[in-house]
N, C-alpha and C. Protein backbone atom coordinates (compact mmCIF):
# COMPACT_ATOMS: atom_id res chain seq x y z
N MET A 1 0.57 18.37 16.61
CA MET A 1 1.96 17.95 16.53
C MET A 1 2.02 16.52 16.01
N ILE A 2 2.90 16.29 15.06
CA ILE A 2 3.07 14.97 14.47
C ILE A 2 4.15 14.23 15.25
N GLY A 3 3.87 12.96 15.54
CA GLY A 3 4.84 12.13 16.25
C GLY A 3 5.95 11.69 15.32
N GLU A 4 6.81 10.87 15.83
CA GLU A 4 7.93 10.34 15.07
C GLU A 4 7.44 9.52 13.88
N VAL A 5 8.05 9.71 12.75
CA VAL A 5 7.72 8.96 11.55
C VAL A 5 8.93 8.11 11.19
N ARG A 6 8.68 6.81 11.00
CA ARG A 6 9.75 5.88 10.62
C ARG A 6 9.27 5.01 9.47
N LYS A 7 10.22 4.60 8.64
CA LYS A 7 9.90 3.71 7.52
C LYS A 7 9.55 2.33 8.06
N LEU A 8 8.57 1.68 7.42
CA LEU A 8 8.24 0.30 7.81
C LEU A 8 9.44 -0.62 7.66
N ASP A 9 10.23 -0.41 6.62
CA ASP A 9 11.43 -1.24 6.45
C ASP A 9 12.33 -1.17 7.68
N ASP A 10 12.47 0.01 8.27
CA ASP A 10 13.31 0.17 9.46
C ASP A 10 12.67 -0.43 10.70
N VAL A 11 11.36 -0.33 10.80
CA VAL A 11 10.66 -0.87 11.96
C VAL A 11 10.65 -2.40 11.92
N LEU A 12 10.40 -2.95 10.74
CA LEU A 12 10.26 -4.41 10.61
C LEU A 12 11.61 -5.13 10.65
N LYS A 13 12.65 -4.49 10.15
CA LYS A 13 14.01 -5.05 10.18
C LYS A 13 14.08 -6.50 9.73
N GLY A 14 13.42 -6.80 8.61
CA GLY A 14 13.48 -8.15 8.07
C GLY A 14 12.52 -9.14 8.68
N GLU A 15 11.70 -8.71 9.64
CA GLU A 15 10.72 -9.60 10.25
C GLU A 15 9.75 -10.10 9.18
N ARG A 16 9.26 -11.32 9.33
CA ARG A 16 8.36 -11.92 8.34
C ARG A 16 7.04 -11.17 8.30
N VAL A 17 6.62 -10.78 7.08
CA VAL A 17 5.38 -10.05 6.87
C VAL A 17 4.60 -10.77 5.78
N THR A 18 3.32 -11.07 6.06
CA THR A 18 2.49 -11.74 5.06
C THR A 18 1.35 -10.87 4.55
N PHE A 19 1.03 -9.78 5.26
CA PHE A 19 -0.10 -8.93 4.89
C PHE A 19 0.15 -7.51 5.37
N ILE A 20 -0.08 -6.55 4.49
CA ILE A 20 0.00 -5.13 4.86
C ILE A 20 -1.31 -4.47 4.44
N LYS A 21 -1.95 -3.80 5.39
CA LYS A 21 -3.19 -3.06 5.15
C LYS A 21 -2.95 -1.61 5.52
N MET A 22 -3.39 -0.69 4.65
CA MET A 22 -3.18 0.74 4.92
C MET A 22 -4.43 1.54 4.63
N ASP A 23 -4.83 2.34 5.58
CA ASP A 23 -5.84 3.39 5.41
C ASP A 23 -5.35 4.54 6.26
N ILE A 24 -4.44 5.33 5.73
CA ILE A 24 -3.76 6.35 6.53
C ILE A 24 -3.92 7.75 5.92
N GLU A 25 -5.15 8.02 5.51
CA GLU A 25 -5.59 9.37 5.15
C GLU A 25 -4.70 10.09 4.15
N GLY A 26 -4.36 9.40 3.07
CA GLY A 26 -3.61 10.03 2.00
C GLY A 26 -2.11 9.85 2.06
N SER A 27 -1.62 9.18 3.06
CA SER A 27 -0.18 8.94 3.19
C SER A 27 0.22 7.54 2.73
N GLU A 28 -0.68 6.86 2.05
CA GLU A 28 -0.41 5.49 1.65
C GLU A 28 0.79 5.36 0.72
N LEU A 29 0.90 6.23 -0.28
CA LEU A 29 2.02 6.12 -1.22
C LEU A 29 3.35 6.33 -0.51
N ALA A 30 3.42 7.32 0.37
CA ALA A 30 4.66 7.54 1.12
C ALA A 30 4.98 6.34 2.00
N ALA A 31 3.96 5.76 2.62
CA ALA A 31 4.19 4.59 3.48
C ALA A 31 4.64 3.39 2.65
N LEU A 32 4.06 3.22 1.46
CA LEU A 32 4.50 2.13 0.59
C LEU A 32 5.97 2.30 0.19
N LYS A 33 6.36 3.54 -0.06
CA LYS A 33 7.77 3.80 -0.40
C LYS A 33 8.67 3.45 0.78
N GLY A 34 8.19 3.66 2.00
CA GLY A 34 8.95 3.31 3.19
C GLY A 34 8.96 1.82 3.50
N ALA A 35 8.13 1.07 2.77
CA ALA A 35 8.07 -0.39 2.93
C ALA A 35 8.55 -1.11 1.68
N ALA A 36 9.18 -0.39 0.76
CA ALA A 36 9.55 -0.95 -0.54
C ALA A 36 10.41 -2.20 -0.44
N ASN A 37 11.42 -2.19 0.41
CA ASN A 37 12.30 -3.37 0.52
C ASN A 37 11.54 -4.57 1.06
N THR A 38 10.69 -4.36 2.04
CA THR A 38 9.89 -5.45 2.60
C THR A 38 8.95 -6.01 1.55
N ILE A 39 8.28 -5.13 0.80
CA ILE A 39 7.35 -5.59 -0.22
C ILE A 39 8.08 -6.35 -1.32
N ARG A 40 9.21 -5.82 -1.78
CA ARG A 40 9.98 -6.51 -2.83
C ARG A 40 10.46 -7.89 -2.38
N SER A 41 10.99 -7.96 -1.18
CA SER A 41 11.62 -9.21 -0.74
C SER A 41 10.61 -10.25 -0.25
N GLN A 42 9.54 -9.80 0.40
CA GLN A 42 8.62 -10.77 1.02
C GLN A 42 7.30 -10.94 0.28
N LYS A 43 6.98 -9.99 -0.59
CA LYS A 43 5.76 -10.05 -1.41
C LYS A 43 4.50 -10.35 -0.59
N PRO A 44 4.25 -9.56 0.46
CA PRO A 44 3.03 -9.80 1.26
C PRO A 44 1.79 -9.41 0.46
N LYS A 45 0.65 -9.96 0.85
CA LYS A 45 -0.62 -9.49 0.31
C LYS A 45 -0.79 -8.04 0.76
N LEU A 46 -1.36 -7.20 -0.11
CA LEU A 46 -1.56 -5.79 0.21
C LEU A 46 -3.03 -5.42 0.08
N ALA A 47 -3.51 -4.58 0.98
CA ALA A 47 -4.84 -3.97 0.91
C ALA A 47 -4.63 -2.49 1.22
N ILE A 48 -4.62 -1.67 0.19
CA ILE A 48 -4.22 -0.27 0.32
C ILE A 48 -5.37 0.63 -0.14
N CYS A 49 -5.82 1.53 0.73
CA CYS A 49 -6.87 2.48 0.35
C CYS A 49 -6.34 3.44 -0.69
N ILE A 50 -7.16 3.69 -1.72
CA ILE A 50 -6.73 4.56 -2.82
C ILE A 50 -7.73 5.68 -3.09
N TYR A 51 -8.60 5.99 -2.15
CA TYR A 51 -9.66 6.97 -2.39
C TYR A 51 -9.36 8.36 -1.83
N HIS A 52 -8.24 8.55 -1.20
CA HIS A 52 -7.99 9.84 -0.55
C HIS A 52 -7.66 10.96 -1.54
N SER A 53 -7.14 10.63 -2.71
CA SER A 53 -6.92 11.64 -3.75
C SER A 53 -7.08 10.94 -5.11
N PRO A 54 -7.53 11.71 -6.11
CA PRO A 54 -7.70 11.10 -7.44
C PRO A 54 -6.41 10.49 -7.98
N GLN A 55 -5.26 11.10 -7.67
CA GLN A 55 -3.99 10.57 -8.17
C GLN A 55 -3.68 9.19 -7.59
N ASP A 56 -4.14 8.94 -6.38
CA ASP A 56 -3.88 7.63 -5.75
C ASP A 56 -4.47 6.48 -6.55
N MET A 57 -5.60 6.73 -7.21
CA MET A 57 -6.27 5.66 -7.98
C MET A 57 -5.34 5.08 -9.05
N LEU A 58 -4.49 5.92 -9.61
CA LEU A 58 -3.52 5.46 -10.61
C LEU A 58 -2.14 5.21 -10.02
N ASN A 59 -1.66 6.15 -9.24
CA ASN A 59 -0.27 6.09 -8.78
C ASN A 59 0.02 4.91 -7.86
N ILE A 60 -0.89 4.58 -6.98
CA ILE A 60 -0.62 3.48 -6.04
C ILE A 60 -0.55 2.13 -6.75
N PRO A 61 -1.53 1.75 -7.59
CA PRO A 61 -1.38 0.47 -8.30
C PRO A 61 -0.13 0.41 -9.19
N ILE A 62 0.19 1.53 -9.85
CA ILE A 62 1.38 1.55 -10.70
C ILE A 62 2.64 1.38 -9.86
N TYR A 63 2.70 2.04 -8.72
CA TYR A 63 3.87 1.91 -7.85
C TYR A 63 4.00 0.48 -7.32
N ILE A 64 2.89 -0.10 -6.91
CA ILE A 64 2.92 -1.49 -6.41
C ILE A 64 3.46 -2.43 -7.48
N LYS A 65 2.97 -2.28 -8.72
CA LYS A 65 3.44 -3.13 -9.82
C LYS A 65 4.92 -2.89 -10.11
N SER A 66 5.41 -1.67 -9.89
CA SER A 66 6.83 -1.41 -10.12
C SER A 66 7.70 -2.14 -9.10
N LEU A 67 7.16 -2.36 -7.91
CA LEU A 67 7.91 -3.09 -6.88
C LEU A 67 7.89 -4.58 -7.14
N VAL A 68 6.72 -5.11 -7.46
CA VAL A 68 6.56 -6.55 -7.67
C VAL A 68 5.69 -6.73 -8.93
N PRO A 69 6.33 -6.81 -10.10
CA PRO A 69 5.56 -6.89 -11.34
C PRO A 69 4.60 -8.08 -11.42
N GLU A 70 4.89 -9.15 -10.69
CA GLU A 70 4.02 -10.33 -10.77
C GLU A 70 2.76 -10.23 -9.91
N TYR A 71 2.63 -9.17 -9.10
CA TYR A 71 1.39 -8.98 -8.34
C TYR A 71 0.21 -8.87 -9.31
N LYS A 72 -0.90 -9.48 -8.92
CA LYS A 72 -2.17 -9.25 -9.58
C LYS A 72 -2.86 -8.14 -8.79
N ILE A 73 -3.37 -7.14 -9.49
CA ILE A 73 -3.99 -5.98 -8.85
C ILE A 73 -5.51 -6.08 -9.01
N TYR A 74 -6.21 -5.89 -7.92
CA TYR A 74 -7.67 -5.85 -7.91
C TYR A 74 -8.11 -4.58 -7.20
N ILE A 75 -9.13 -3.93 -7.75
CA ILE A 75 -9.69 -2.72 -7.15
C ILE A 75 -11.11 -3.05 -6.72
N ARG A 76 -11.42 -2.72 -5.47
CA ARG A 76 -12.77 -2.99 -4.95
C ARG A 76 -13.31 -1.72 -4.31
N HIS A 77 -14.54 -1.37 -4.69
CA HIS A 77 -15.21 -0.19 -4.14
C HIS A 77 -16.36 -0.67 -3.25
N TYR A 78 -16.43 -0.15 -2.01
CA TYR A 78 -17.35 -0.70 -1.02
C TYR A 78 -18.56 0.16 -0.68
N THR A 79 -18.69 1.37 -1.23
CA THR A 79 -19.84 2.22 -0.90
C THR A 79 -20.39 2.87 -2.15
N ASP A 80 -21.53 3.56 -1.99
CA ASP A 80 -22.11 4.33 -3.09
C ASP A 80 -21.45 5.70 -3.23
N MET A 81 -20.66 6.09 -2.25
CA MET A 81 -20.00 7.39 -2.27
C MET A 81 -18.57 7.24 -2.83
N MET A 82 -17.80 8.30 -2.73
CA MET A 82 -16.43 8.29 -3.25
C MET A 82 -15.43 7.69 -2.25
N LEU A 83 -15.91 7.08 -1.22
CA LEU A 83 -15.03 6.55 -0.18
C LEU A 83 -14.89 5.04 -0.30
N GLU A 84 -13.92 4.54 0.43
CA GLU A 84 -13.75 3.10 0.62
C GLU A 84 -13.44 2.32 -0.66
N THR A 85 -12.48 2.81 -1.40
CA THR A 85 -11.96 2.07 -2.54
C THR A 85 -10.59 1.53 -2.15
N VAL A 86 -10.42 0.22 -2.36
CA VAL A 86 -9.22 -0.46 -1.90
C VAL A 86 -8.53 -1.15 -3.07
N CYS A 87 -7.22 -1.02 -3.12
CA CYS A 87 -6.40 -1.73 -4.09
C CYS A 87 -5.80 -2.95 -3.39
N TYR A 88 -6.08 -4.12 -3.95
CA TYR A 88 -5.51 -5.36 -3.42
C TYR A 88 -4.41 -5.83 -4.36
N ALA A 89 -3.33 -6.30 -3.80
CA ALA A 89 -2.23 -6.87 -4.59
C ALA A 89 -1.92 -8.26 -4.02
N VAL A 90 -2.03 -9.26 -4.88
CA VAL A 90 -1.79 -10.64 -4.45
C VAL A 90 -1.03 -11.38 -5.54
N LEU A 91 -0.37 -12.43 -5.13
CA LEU A 91 0.34 -13.27 -6.11
C LEU A 91 -0.55 -14.40 -6.56
């Protein structure tokens, strides 16, 4: 059974955010969409896992840039396997 799901924008309600990290088993893009207003307005540093599906490798960085075009995007891979690839977005 899945618990209640709420958008980060609704949970944070304008609270100051400087860093968002996500490793939520393939739900990162949906969670980013739920945090779109916070990301646009506050431009926190982001560390988002992008290895859960091949589409995430492209779609997540593109979506992040669509929210804040001035973000610099960095991709870092931490293992010899297909796991642990992280997209960083910083100003």
